[in-house]
Amino acid sequence: DLDSVLNWLRSGKPEVGEDSPAGDFKKIDGMLPSKKGQSPEDRARDIEGALDWMRENDISPDDEDFPDKFNKMGSIPISRRSPEDRQKDLDDVLAWIRGGKPTDEDLTDKFKKIDTMLPAKKGQTPEERAKEIEGAMDWMRSHGVKPSEDDDVPGFQTVGSIPVSTRSPEDRKKDLDNVLNWLRSGKPTDDD
């Protein structure tokens, strides 16, 4: 389907009969929202993905209750910072803690504000405290809260048990590289 959709897009989306596959392409193309800077290949993948989903769910573009347009859904808050950026933040916070929490830099205002908001834990190491502060900074960025604001900061919610990796970004990257190498080498069955 991908090649057919791509050819249809590249040929200028020619008008075709409703019963041809290109008729389905046209209907779905009209429903899917366009993305800024989207290449024809990406658009073809979106259309093909919608077709695949419809087939798996036994839905046809010819159904009477088929929508004219899809509604956009809200975004899911995720961290926009790379693991490397988050590691740099963690290193900066740790250096700030180990340096006696000086107040002579702009960054330290953020660190100090968050440090005073978070309760200290008994027996907490500087590394654990730095991870907590960095995690709070990441949460605040994801929720559009700036720690340097003088306004009241919304309270942190206690969340039930969520599986969280305690592995470092380097360990996770190493695992990812190992999995990719395993997949690229044809999924050998030896147990290492």
N, C-alpha and C. Protein backbone atom coordinates (compact mmCIF):
# COMPACT_ATOMS: atom_id res chain seq x y z
N ASP A 1 0.81 -1.20 0.00
CA ASP A 1 0.00 0.00 0.00
C ASP A 1 0.86 1.27 0.00
N LEU A 2 1.99 1.24 0.71
CA LEU A 2 2.81 2.43 0.83
C LEU A 2 3.24 2.95 -0.54
N ASP A 3 3.71 2.05 -1.40
CA ASP A 3 4.15 2.48 -2.74
C ASP A 3 2.97 3.03 -3.55
N SER A 4 1.82 2.39 -3.43
CA SER A 4 0.64 2.86 -4.17
C SER A 4 0.22 4.25 -3.69
N VAL A 5 0.22 4.45 -2.39
CA VAL A 5 -0.16 5.76 -1.84
C VAL A 5 0.86 6.81 -2.27
N LEU A 6 2.14 6.47 -2.18
CA LEU A 6 3.19 7.41 -2.55
C LEU A 6 3.09 7.78 -4.03
N ASN A 7 2.84 6.81 -4.89
CA ASN A 7 2.68 7.10 -6.32
C ASN A 7 1.47 8.02 -6.55
N TRP A 8 0.38 7.75 -5.82
CA TRP A 8 -0.82 8.58 -5.94
C TRP A 8 -0.52 10.02 -5.52
N LEU A 9 0.23 10.18 -4.41
CA LEU A 9 0.58 11.52 -3.94
C LEU A 9 1.49 12.23 -4.94
N ARG A 10 2.49 11.52 -5.42
CA ARG A 10 3.47 12.13 -6.34
C ARG A 10 2.86 12.49 -7.69
N SER A 11 1.81 11.80 -8.09
CA SER A 11 1.17 12.11 -9.38
C SER A 11 0.13 13.21 -9.23
N GLY A 12 0.12 13.88 -8.09
CA GLY A 12 -0.76 15.03 -7.91
C GLY A 12 -2.15 14.69 -7.42
N LYS A 13 -2.33 13.54 -6.80
CA LYS A 13 -3.62 13.11 -6.25
C LYS A 13 -4.72 13.13 -7.31
N PRO A 14 -4.53 12.37 -8.40
CA PRO A 14 -5.52 12.41 -9.48
C PRO A 14 -6.88 11.89 -9.03
N GLU A 15 -7.93 12.43 -9.65
CA GLU A 15 -9.30 12.00 -9.37
C GLU A 15 -9.48 10.58 -9.92
N VAL A 16 -10.06 9.73 -9.12
CA VAL A 16 -10.32 8.35 -9.52
C VAL A 16 -11.70 7.95 -9.01
N GLY A 17 -12.16 6.81 -9.44
CA GLY A 17 -13.46 6.32 -9.00
C GLY A 17 -13.47 5.99 -7.52
N GLU A 18 -14.65 6.06 -6.92
CA GLU A 18 -14.81 5.76 -5.50
C GLU A 18 -14.43 4.33 -5.15
N ASP A 19 -14.59 3.40 -6.11
CA ASP A 19 -14.35 1.98 -5.83
C ASP A 19 -12.89 1.58 -5.94
N SER A 20 -12.03 2.45 -6.45
CA SER A 20 -10.61 2.08 -6.59
C SER A 20 -9.89 2.36 -5.27
N PRO A 21 -8.73 1.71 -5.08
CA PRO A 21 -7.98 1.98 -3.85
C PRO A 21 -7.61 3.45 -3.71
N ALA A 22 -7.36 4.12 -4.82
CA ALA A 22 -7.01 5.54 -4.74
C ALA A 22 -8.18 6.37 -4.21
N GLY A 23 -9.40 5.89 -4.39
CA GLY A 23 -10.55 6.57 -3.81
C GLY A 23 -10.48 6.56 -2.30
N ASP A 24 -10.03 5.42 -1.74
CA ASP A 24 -9.82 5.33 -0.29
C ASP A 24 -8.70 6.26 0.15
N PHE A 25 -7.63 6.33 -0.67
CA PHE A 25 -6.51 7.22 -0.35
C PHE A 25 -7.02 8.65 -0.22
N LYS A 26 -7.87 9.05 -1.19
CA LYS A 26 -8.38 10.42 -1.20
C LYS A 26 -9.22 10.70 0.04
N LYS A 27 -10.09 9.76 0.41
CA LYS A 27 -10.94 9.96 1.60
C LYS A 27 -10.09 10.11 2.86
N ILE A 28 -9.12 9.22 3.00
CA ILE A 28 -8.29 9.26 4.21
C ILE A 28 -7.39 10.50 4.20
N ASP A 29 -6.87 10.85 3.02
CA ASP A 29 -6.02 12.04 2.91
C ASP A 29 -6.81 13.28 3.33
N GLY A 30 -8.09 13.32 2.98
CA GLY A 30 -8.92 14.46 3.35
C GLY A 30 -9.24 14.51 4.83
N MET A 31 -9.20 13.37 5.50
CA MET A 31 -9.54 13.32 6.93
C MET A 31 -8.34 13.59 7.82
N LEU A 32 -7.17 13.09 7.41
CA LEU A 32 -6.00 13.24 8.27
C LEU A 32 -5.49 14.68 8.26
N PRO A 33 -5.22 15.24 9.41
CA PRO A 33 -4.69 16.60 9.44
C PRO A 33 -3.29 16.64 8.83
N SER A 34 -3.00 17.69 8.08
CA SER A 34 -1.67 17.86 7.50
C SER A 34 -0.70 18.31 8.57
N LYS A 35 0.52 17.86 8.45
CA LYS A 35 1.55 18.26 9.41
C LYS A 35 2.49 19.24 8.72
N LYS A 36 2.90 20.24 9.43
CA LYS A 36 3.79 21.25 8.89
C LYS A 36 5.12 20.60 8.45
N GLY A 37 5.52 20.85 7.21
CA GLY A 37 6.78 20.33 6.70
C GLY A 37 6.76 18.84 6.42
N GLN A 38 5.59 18.24 6.29
CA GLN A 38 5.48 16.79 6.10
C GLN A 38 5.88 16.41 4.67
N SER A 39 6.77 15.45 4.54
CA SER A 39 7.21 14.98 3.22
C SER A 39 6.16 14.05 2.64
N PRO A 40 6.17 13.86 1.30
CA PRO A 40 5.22 12.91 0.70
C PRO A 40 5.37 11.50 1.28
N GLU A 41 6.60 11.10 1.61
CA GLU A 41 6.83 9.78 2.19
C GLU A 41 6.14 9.65 3.55
N ASP A 42 6.27 10.70 4.37
CA ASP A 42 5.63 10.68 5.69
C ASP A 42 4.11 10.69 5.56
N ARG A 43 3.62 11.48 4.61
CA ARG A 43 2.16 11.52 4.39
C ARG A 43 1.66 10.16 3.93
N ALA A 44 2.41 9.51 3.04
CA ALA A 44 2.03 8.18 2.55
C ALA A 44 2.02 7.18 3.71
N ARG A 45 2.98 7.28 4.62
CA ARG A 45 3.02 6.38 5.78
C ARG A 45 1.81 6.60 6.67
N ASP A 46 1.41 7.87 6.84
CA ASP A 46 0.23 8.16 7.66
C ASP A 46 -1.02 7.57 7.03
N ILE A 47 -1.17 7.75 5.73
CA ILE A 47 -2.34 7.21 5.03
C ILE A 47 -2.34 5.69 5.09
N GLU A 48 -1.17 5.09 4.85
CA GLU A 48 -1.08 3.63 4.90
C GLU A 48 -1.37 3.12 6.31
N GLY A 49 -0.87 3.83 7.32
CA GLY A 49 -1.13 3.44 8.70
C GLY A 49 -2.61 3.48 9.03
N ALA A 50 -3.30 4.51 8.53
CA ALA A 50 -4.74 4.61 8.75
C ALA A 50 -5.46 3.46 8.05
N LEU A 51 -5.03 3.13 6.83
CA LEU A 51 -5.64 2.01 6.11
C LEU A 51 -5.43 0.69 6.85
N ASP A 52 -4.22 0.48 7.34
CA ASP A 52 -3.92 -0.75 8.09
C ASP A 52 -4.78 -0.84 9.35
N TRP A 53 -4.88 0.27 10.07
CA TRP A 53 -5.69 0.28 11.29
C TRP A 53 -7.15 -0.03 10.97
N MET A 54 -7.64 0.55 9.89
CA MET A 54 -9.03 0.33 9.50
C MET A 54 -9.27 -1.14 9.15
N ARG A 55 -8.33 -1.74 8.44
CA ARG A 55 -8.48 -3.16 8.09
C ARG A 55 -8.49 -4.03 9.35
N GLU A 56 -7.58 -3.74 10.27
CA GLU A 56 -7.50 -4.53 11.50
C GLU A 56 -8.76 -4.40 12.35
N ASN A 57 -9.44 -3.27 12.25
CA ASN A 57 -10.63 -3.02 13.05
C ASN A 57 -11.92 -3.16 12.24
N ASP A 58 -11.79 -3.74 11.07
CA ASP A 58 -12.95 -4.03 10.21
C ASP A 58 -13.80 -2.78 9.94
N ILE A 59 -13.11 -1.70 9.55
CA ILE A 59 -13.77 -0.44 9.23
C ILE A 59 -13.46 -0.13 7.76
N SER A 60 -14.43 0.38 7.05
CA SER A 60 -14.26 0.73 5.65
C SER A 60 -14.54 2.22 5.46
N PRO A 61 -13.79 2.87 4.55
CA PRO A 61 -14.08 4.28 4.28
C PRO A 61 -15.44 4.48 3.64
N ASP A 62 -16.06 3.39 3.18
CA ASP A 62 -17.38 3.48 2.56
C ASP A 62 -18.52 3.38 3.58
N ASP A 63 -18.19 3.12 4.86
CA ASP A 63 -19.22 3.04 5.89
C ASP A 63 -19.98 4.36 6.00
N GLU A 64 -21.25 4.29 6.30
CA GLU A 64 -22.07 5.50 6.40
C GLU A 64 -21.65 6.40 7.55
N ASP A 65 -21.22 5.80 8.66
CA ASP A 65 -20.85 6.60 9.82
C ASP A 65 -19.36 6.94 9.84
N PHE A 66 -18.71 6.82 8.69
CA PHE A 66 -17.29 7.14 8.60
C PHE A 66 -17.12 8.66 8.75
N PRO A 67 -16.22 9.12 9.60
CA PRO A 67 -16.10 10.57 9.86
C PRO A 67 -15.51 11.32 8.66
N ASP A 68 -15.87 12.60 8.56
CA ASP A 68 -15.30 13.44 7.51
C ASP A 68 -13.90 13.89 7.87
N LYS A 69 -13.67 14.09 9.15
CA LYS A 69 -12.36 14.52 9.64
C LYS A 69 -12.10 13.86 10.98
N PHE A 70 -10.82 13.66 11.29
CA PHE A 70 -10.44 13.17 12.60
C PHE A 70 -10.19 14.35 13.51
N ASN A 71 -10.59 14.23 14.75
CA ASN A 71 -10.32 15.28 15.73
C ASN A 71 -8.90 15.13 16.22
N LYS A 72 -8.26 16.25 16.45
CA LYS A 72 -6.91 16.21 17.01
C LYS A 72 -7.02 15.95 18.51
N MET A 73 -6.15 15.10 18.99
CA MET A 73 -6.13 14.81 20.42
C MET A 73 -5.08 15.68 21.09
N GLY A 74 -5.28 15.92 22.35
CA GLY A 74 -4.30 16.68 23.10
C GLY A 74 -2.99 15.92 23.20
N SER A 75 -1.95 16.63 23.52
CA SER A 75 -0.65 15.99 23.60
C SER A 75 -0.45 15.35 24.97
N ILE A 76 0.40 14.37 24.99
CA ILE A 76 0.77 13.70 26.23
C ILE A 76 2.05 14.34 26.72
N PRO A 77 2.10 14.80 27.95
CA PRO A 77 3.32 15.45 28.41
C PRO A 77 4.48 14.46 28.51
N ILE A 78 5.52 14.78 27.80
CA ILE A 78 6.73 13.96 27.84
C ILE A 78 7.92 14.87 28.02
N SER A 79 9.00 14.32 28.42
CA SER A 79 10.21 15.10 28.57
C SER A 79 10.74 15.47 27.20
N ARG A 80 10.99 16.74 27.01
CA ARG A 80 11.51 17.19 25.72
C ARG A 80 13.03 17.25 25.73
N ARG A 81 13.61 16.89 26.80
CA ARG A 81 15.06 16.97 26.91
C ARG A 81 15.67 15.60 26.67
N SER A 82 16.79 15.61 26.02
CA SER A 82 17.47 14.36 25.72
C SER A 82 18.09 13.80 27.00
N PRO A 83 18.41 12.52 27.00
CA PRO A 83 19.08 11.95 28.17
C PRO A 83 20.39 12.67 28.49
N GLU A 84 21.07 13.14 27.45
CA GLU A 84 22.33 13.85 27.67
C GLU A 84 22.08 15.19 28.38
N ASP A 85 21.02 15.89 27.96
CA ASP A 85 20.68 17.17 28.61
C ASP A 85 20.28 16.94 30.06
N ARG A 86 19.50 15.89 30.29
CA ARG A 86 19.08 15.59 31.66
C ARG A 86 20.28 15.20 32.51
N GLN A 87 21.24 14.47 31.92
CA GLN A 87 22.45 14.09 32.67
C GLN A 87 23.26 15.35 33.00
N LYS A 88 23.33 16.31 32.08
CA LYS A 88 24.04 17.55 32.35
C LYS A 88 23.36 18.30 33.50
N ASP A 89 22.02 18.35 33.47
CA ASP A 89 21.30 18.98 34.59
C ASP A 89 21.63 18.29 35.90
N LEU A 90 21.63 16.95 35.88
CA LEU A 90 21.93 16.19 37.08
C LEU A 90 23.34 16.51 37.58
N ASP A 91 24.29 16.57 36.65
CA ASP A 91 25.68 16.90 37.03
C ASP A 91 25.77 18.31 37.61
N ASP A 92 25.03 19.27 37.00
CA ASP A 92 25.03 20.65 37.51
C ASP A 92 24.45 20.72 38.92
N VAL A 93 23.35 20.02 39.15
CA VAL A 93 22.73 20.02 40.48
C VAL A 93 23.67 19.37 41.49
N LEU A 94 24.27 18.26 41.10
CA LEU A 94 25.19 17.57 42.02
C LEU A 94 26.39 18.46 42.36
N ALA A 95 26.94 19.17 41.36
CA ALA A 95 28.06 20.08 41.61
C ALA A 95 27.62 21.21 42.55
N TRP A 96 26.38 21.68 42.35
CA TRP A 96 25.84 22.73 43.22
C TRP A 96 25.72 22.23 44.66
N ILE A 97 25.22 21.02 44.84
CA ILE A 97 25.07 20.45 46.19
C ILE A 97 26.44 20.24 46.83
N ARG A 98 27.36 19.64 46.07
CA ARG A 98 28.70 19.37 46.61
C ARG A 98 29.48 20.65 46.88
N GLY A 99 29.14 21.73 46.15
CA GLY A 99 29.83 23.01 46.35
C GLY A 99 29.26 23.82 47.50
N GLY A 100 28.37 23.22 48.29
CA GLY A 100 27.81 23.90 49.45
C GLY A 100 26.60 24.75 49.13
N LYS A 101 25.98 24.51 48.00
CA LYS A 101 24.77 25.22 47.56
C LYS A 101 25.00 26.73 47.49
N PRO A 102 26.01 27.16 46.70
CA PRO A 102 26.27 28.61 46.58
C PRO A 102 25.11 29.31 45.87
N THR A 103 24.98 30.62 46.12
CA THR A 103 23.86 31.37 45.54
C THR A 103 24.36 32.45 44.58
N ASP A 104 25.50 32.24 43.95
CA ASP A 104 26.08 33.28 43.11
C ASP A 104 25.79 33.13 41.61
N GLU A 105 25.03 32.14 41.20
CA GLU A 105 24.75 31.94 39.78
C GLU A 105 23.25 31.96 39.51
N ASP A 106 22.88 32.20 38.23
CA ASP A 106 21.47 32.23 37.85
C ASP A 106 20.81 30.86 38.02
N LEU A 107 21.53 29.80 37.64
CA LEU A 107 20.97 28.44 37.74
C LEU A 107 20.64 28.07 39.17
N THR A 108 21.42 28.56 40.09
CA THR A 108 21.22 28.15 41.48
C THR A 108 19.89 28.62 42.04
N ASP A 109 19.31 29.69 41.46
CA ASP A 109 17.99 30.13 41.92
C ASP A 109 16.97 29.02 41.69
N LYS A 110 17.04 28.38 40.52
CA LYS A 110 16.13 27.27 40.22
C LYS A 110 16.38 26.12 41.19
N PHE A 111 17.66 25.77 41.34
CA PHE A 111 18.01 24.65 42.21
C PHE A 111 17.55 24.92 43.64
N LYS A 112 17.80 26.13 44.14
CA LYS A 112 17.45 26.48 45.52
C LYS A 112 15.95 26.42 45.72
N LYS A 113 15.18 26.98 44.76
CA LYS A 113 13.72 26.99 44.90
C LYS A 113 13.18 25.55 44.99
N ILE A 114 13.67 24.69 44.09
CA ILE A 114 13.19 23.30 44.09
C ILE A 114 13.69 22.57 45.33
N ASP A 115 14.93 22.84 45.72
CA ASP A 115 15.50 22.19 46.90
C ASP A 115 14.69 22.51 48.15
N THR A 116 14.20 23.74 48.23
CA THR A 116 13.41 24.11 49.42
C THR A 116 11.99 23.53 49.35
N MET A 117 11.49 23.27 48.13
CA MET A 117 10.14 22.72 47.98
C MET A 117 10.09 21.23 48.31
N LEU A 118 11.15 20.51 47.97
CA LEU A 118 11.14 19.07 48.15
C LEU A 118 11.57 18.71 49.57
N PRO A 119 10.84 17.82 50.21
CA PRO A 119 11.24 17.43 51.57
C PRO A 119 12.53 16.61 51.53
N ALA A 120 13.40 16.88 52.48
CA ALA A 120 14.65 16.11 52.59
C ALA A 120 14.33 14.76 53.22
N LYS A 121 15.01 13.74 52.74
CA LYS A 121 14.80 12.39 53.28
C LYS A 121 15.96 12.03 54.18
N LYS A 122 15.65 11.28 55.19
CA LYS A 122 16.65 10.86 56.15
C LYS A 122 17.68 9.96 55.45
N GLY A 123 18.97 10.25 55.62
CA GLY A 123 20.03 9.43 55.04
C GLY A 123 20.19 9.59 53.53
N GLN A 124 19.62 10.64 52.97
CA GLN A 124 19.67 10.84 51.52
C GLN A 124 21.07 11.30 51.10
N THR A 125 21.63 10.64 50.09
CA THR A 125 22.95 11.00 49.58
C THR A 125 22.83 12.21 48.66
N PRO A 126 23.92 12.92 48.44
CA PRO A 126 23.88 14.05 47.49
C PRO A 126 23.43 13.61 46.09
N GLU A 127 23.82 12.42 45.67
CA GLU A 127 23.42 11.91 44.36
C GLU A 127 21.91 11.71 44.29
N GLU A 128 21.32 11.14 45.36
CA GLU A 128 19.87 10.92 45.41
C GLU A 128 19.13 12.26 45.42
N ARG A 129 19.66 13.22 46.18
CA ARG A 129 19.03 14.55 46.23
C ARG A 129 19.11 15.22 44.86
N ALA A 130 20.24 15.10 44.20
CA ALA A 130 20.41 15.70 42.87
C ALA A 130 19.42 15.08 41.88
N LYS A 131 19.21 13.75 41.96
CA LYS A 131 18.25 13.09 41.08
C LYS A 131 16.83 13.59 41.34
N GLU A 132 16.50 13.80 42.60
CA GLU A 132 15.17 14.32 42.95
C GLU A 132 14.97 15.73 42.39
N ILE A 133 15.96 16.57 42.56
CA ILE A 133 15.85 17.95 42.07
C ILE A 133 15.77 17.96 40.55
N GLU A 134 16.60 17.16 39.88
CA GLU A 134 16.56 17.10 38.42
C GLU A 134 15.22 16.56 37.93
N GLY A 135 14.69 15.55 38.62
CA GLY A 135 13.39 15.00 38.26
C GLY A 135 12.28 16.03 38.41
N ALA A 136 12.36 16.83 39.47
CA ALA A 136 11.38 17.90 39.68
C ALA A 136 11.51 18.97 38.60
N MET A 137 12.73 19.29 38.22
CA MET A 137 12.94 20.26 37.14
C MET A 137 12.34 19.74 35.84
N ASP A 138 12.54 18.46 35.56
CA ASP A 138 11.99 17.86 34.34
C ASP A 138 10.47 17.88 34.38
N TRP A 139 9.88 17.54 35.52
CA TRP A 139 8.43 17.57 35.67
C TRP A 139 7.90 18.98 35.44
N MET A 140 8.58 19.96 36.02
CA MET A 140 8.14 21.34 35.88
C MET A 140 8.20 21.79 34.42
N ARG A 141 9.26 21.40 33.71
CA ARG A 141 9.35 21.75 32.29
C ARG A 141 8.21 21.10 31.51
N SER A 142 7.91 19.85 31.82
CA SER A 142 6.85 19.13 31.11
C SER A 142 5.47 19.72 31.36
N HIS A 143 5.29 20.38 32.50
CA HIS A 143 3.99 20.94 32.86
C HIS A 143 3.96 22.46 32.72
N GLY A 144 4.98 23.03 32.11
CA GLY A 144 5.00 24.47 31.85
C GLY A 144 5.16 25.33 33.08
N VAL A 145 5.79 24.81 34.11
CA VAL A 145 6.00 25.57 35.34
C VAL A 145 7.47 25.96 35.39
N LYS A 146 7.71 27.23 35.66
CA LYS A 146 9.09 27.70 35.78
C LYS A 146 9.43 27.82 37.26
N PRO A 147 10.51 27.18 37.68
CA PRO A 147 10.83 27.21 39.11
C PRO A 147 11.22 28.59 39.61
N SER A 148 11.56 29.51 38.72
CA SER A 148 11.97 30.83 39.17
C SER A 148 10.79 31.77 39.36
N GLU A 149 9.57 31.30 39.01
CA GLU A 149 8.39 32.13 39.21
C GLU A 149 8.11 32.32 40.69
N ASP A 150 7.61 33.49 41.02
CA ASP A 150 7.28 33.77 42.43
C ASP A 150 5.89 33.29 42.78
N ASP A 151 5.11 32.90 41.77
CA ASP A 151 3.75 32.41 42.02
C ASP A 151 3.81 31.10 42.80
N ASP A 152 2.65 30.74 43.32
CA ASP A 152 2.57 29.45 43.99
C ASP A 152 2.78 28.34 42.98
N VAL A 153 3.60 27.41 43.32
CA VAL A 153 3.86 26.27 42.45
C VAL A 153 2.87 25.18 42.83
N PRO A 154 2.20 24.56 41.83
CA PRO A 154 1.26 23.51 42.18
C PRO A 154 1.96 22.38 42.93
N GLY A 155 1.25 21.81 43.87
CA GLY A 155 1.83 20.74 44.67
C GLY A 155 2.14 19.51 43.85
N PHE A 156 3.15 18.81 44.23
CA PHE A 156 3.50 17.56 43.56
C PHE A 156 2.54 16.48 44.02
N GLN A 157 2.03 15.73 43.06
CA GLN A 157 1.09 14.68 43.39
C GLN A 157 1.84 13.41 43.73
N THR A 158 1.32 12.70 44.71
CA THR A 158 1.88 11.41 45.02
C THR A 158 1.24 10.41 44.07
N VAL A 159 2.08 9.71 43.35
CA VAL A 159 1.60 8.76 42.36
C VAL A 159 1.85 7.37 42.91
N GLY A 160 0.93 6.48 42.62
CA GLY A 160 1.10 5.10 43.05
C GLY A 160 2.34 4.48 42.42
N SER A 161 2.45 3.21 42.55
CA SER A 161 3.62 2.50 42.05
C SER A 161 3.68 2.56 40.53
N ILE A 162 4.74 3.18 40.02
CA ILE A 162 4.98 3.24 38.59
C ILE A 162 6.36 2.62 38.36
N PRO A 163 6.45 1.68 37.43
CA PRO A 163 7.77 1.10 37.18
C PRO A 163 8.71 2.15 36.60
N VAL A 164 9.76 2.43 37.31
CA VAL A 164 10.73 3.43 36.88
C VAL A 164 12.09 2.77 36.82
N SER A 165 12.78 3.05 35.77
CA SER A 165 14.10 2.48 35.60
C SER A 165 15.09 3.23 36.50
N THR A 166 15.86 2.48 37.25
CA THR A 166 16.90 3.10 38.06
C THR A 166 18.24 3.02 37.34
N ARG A 167 18.17 2.61 36.09
CA ARG A 167 19.38 2.49 35.30
C ARG A 167 19.77 3.86 34.77
N SER A 168 21.06 4.06 34.61
CA SER A 168 21.55 5.34 34.10
C SER A 168 21.26 5.44 32.60
N PRO A 169 21.28 6.65 32.07
CA PRO A 169 21.07 6.81 30.62
C PRO A 169 22.11 6.03 29.81
N GLU A 170 23.33 5.93 30.34
CA GLU A 170 24.37 5.19 29.63
C GLU A 170 24.03 3.70 29.56
N ASP A 171 23.53 3.15 30.69
CA ASP A 171 23.15 1.73 30.71
C ASP A 171 21.99 1.46 29.76
N ARG A 172 21.01 2.37 29.74
CA ARG A 172 19.88 2.18 28.82
C ARG A 172 20.33 2.28 27.37
N LYS A 173 21.25 3.20 27.07
CA LYS A 173 21.76 3.33 25.70
C LYS A 173 22.53 2.07 25.31
N LYS A 174 23.30 1.52 26.26
CA LYS A 174 24.05 0.29 25.97
C LYS A 174 23.07 -0.86 25.68
N ASP A 175 22.00 -0.96 26.47
CA ASP A 175 20.98 -2.00 26.23
C ASP A 175 20.34 -1.82 24.85
N LEU A 176 20.03 -0.58 24.50
CA LEU A 176 19.42 -0.31 23.20
C LEU A 176 20.37 -0.71 22.07
N ASP A 177 21.66 -0.36 22.22
CA ASP A 177 22.64 -0.73 21.20
C ASP A 177 22.75 -2.24 21.08
N ASN A 178 22.73 -2.94 22.21
CA ASN A 178 22.81 -4.40 22.19
C ASN A 178 21.61 -5.01 21.48
N VAL A 179 20.43 -4.49 21.75
CA VAL A 179 19.21 -5.01 21.10
C VAL A 179 19.27 -4.74 19.60
N LEU A 180 19.67 -3.53 19.23
CA LEU A 180 19.76 -3.22 17.80
C LEU A 180 20.78 -4.11 17.09
N ASN A 181 21.93 -4.34 17.72
CA ASN A 181 22.93 -5.23 17.13
C ASN A 181 22.39 -6.65 17.00
N TRP A 182 21.63 -7.08 18.01
CA TRP A 182 21.04 -8.41 17.99
C TRP A 182 20.04 -8.53 16.84
N LEU A 183 19.21 -7.50 16.68
CA LEU A 183 18.23 -7.51 15.60
C LEU A 183 18.90 -7.46 14.23
N ARG A 184 19.94 -6.64 14.10
CA ARG A 184 20.63 -6.49 12.82
C ARG A 184 21.39 -7.77 12.42
N SER A 185 21.80 -8.53 13.42
CA SER A 185 22.57 -9.74 13.10
C SER A 185 21.66 -10.96 12.89
N GLY A 186 20.39 -10.72 12.70
CA GLY A 186 19.48 -11.83 12.39
C GLY A 186 18.96 -12.56 13.60
N LYS A 187 18.95 -11.95 14.76
CA LYS A 187 18.41 -12.52 15.98
C LYS A 187 19.01 -13.90 16.30
N PRO A 188 20.32 -13.96 16.53
CA PRO A 188 20.92 -15.26 16.88
C PRO A 188 20.29 -15.82 18.15
N THR A 189 20.26 -17.14 18.25
CA THR A 189 19.59 -17.79 19.36
C THR A 189 20.52 -18.19 20.49
N ASP A 190 21.82 -17.92 20.40
CA ASP A 190 22.71 -18.30 21.49
C ASP A 190 22.41 -17.47 22.71
N ASP A 191 22.49 -18.06 23.86
CA ASP A 191 22.18 -17.38 25.12
C ASP A 191 23.44 -16.83 25.72
N ASP A 192 23.61 -15.49 25.65
CA ASP A 192 24.79 -14.83 26.23
C ASP A 192 24.45 -14.31 27.59
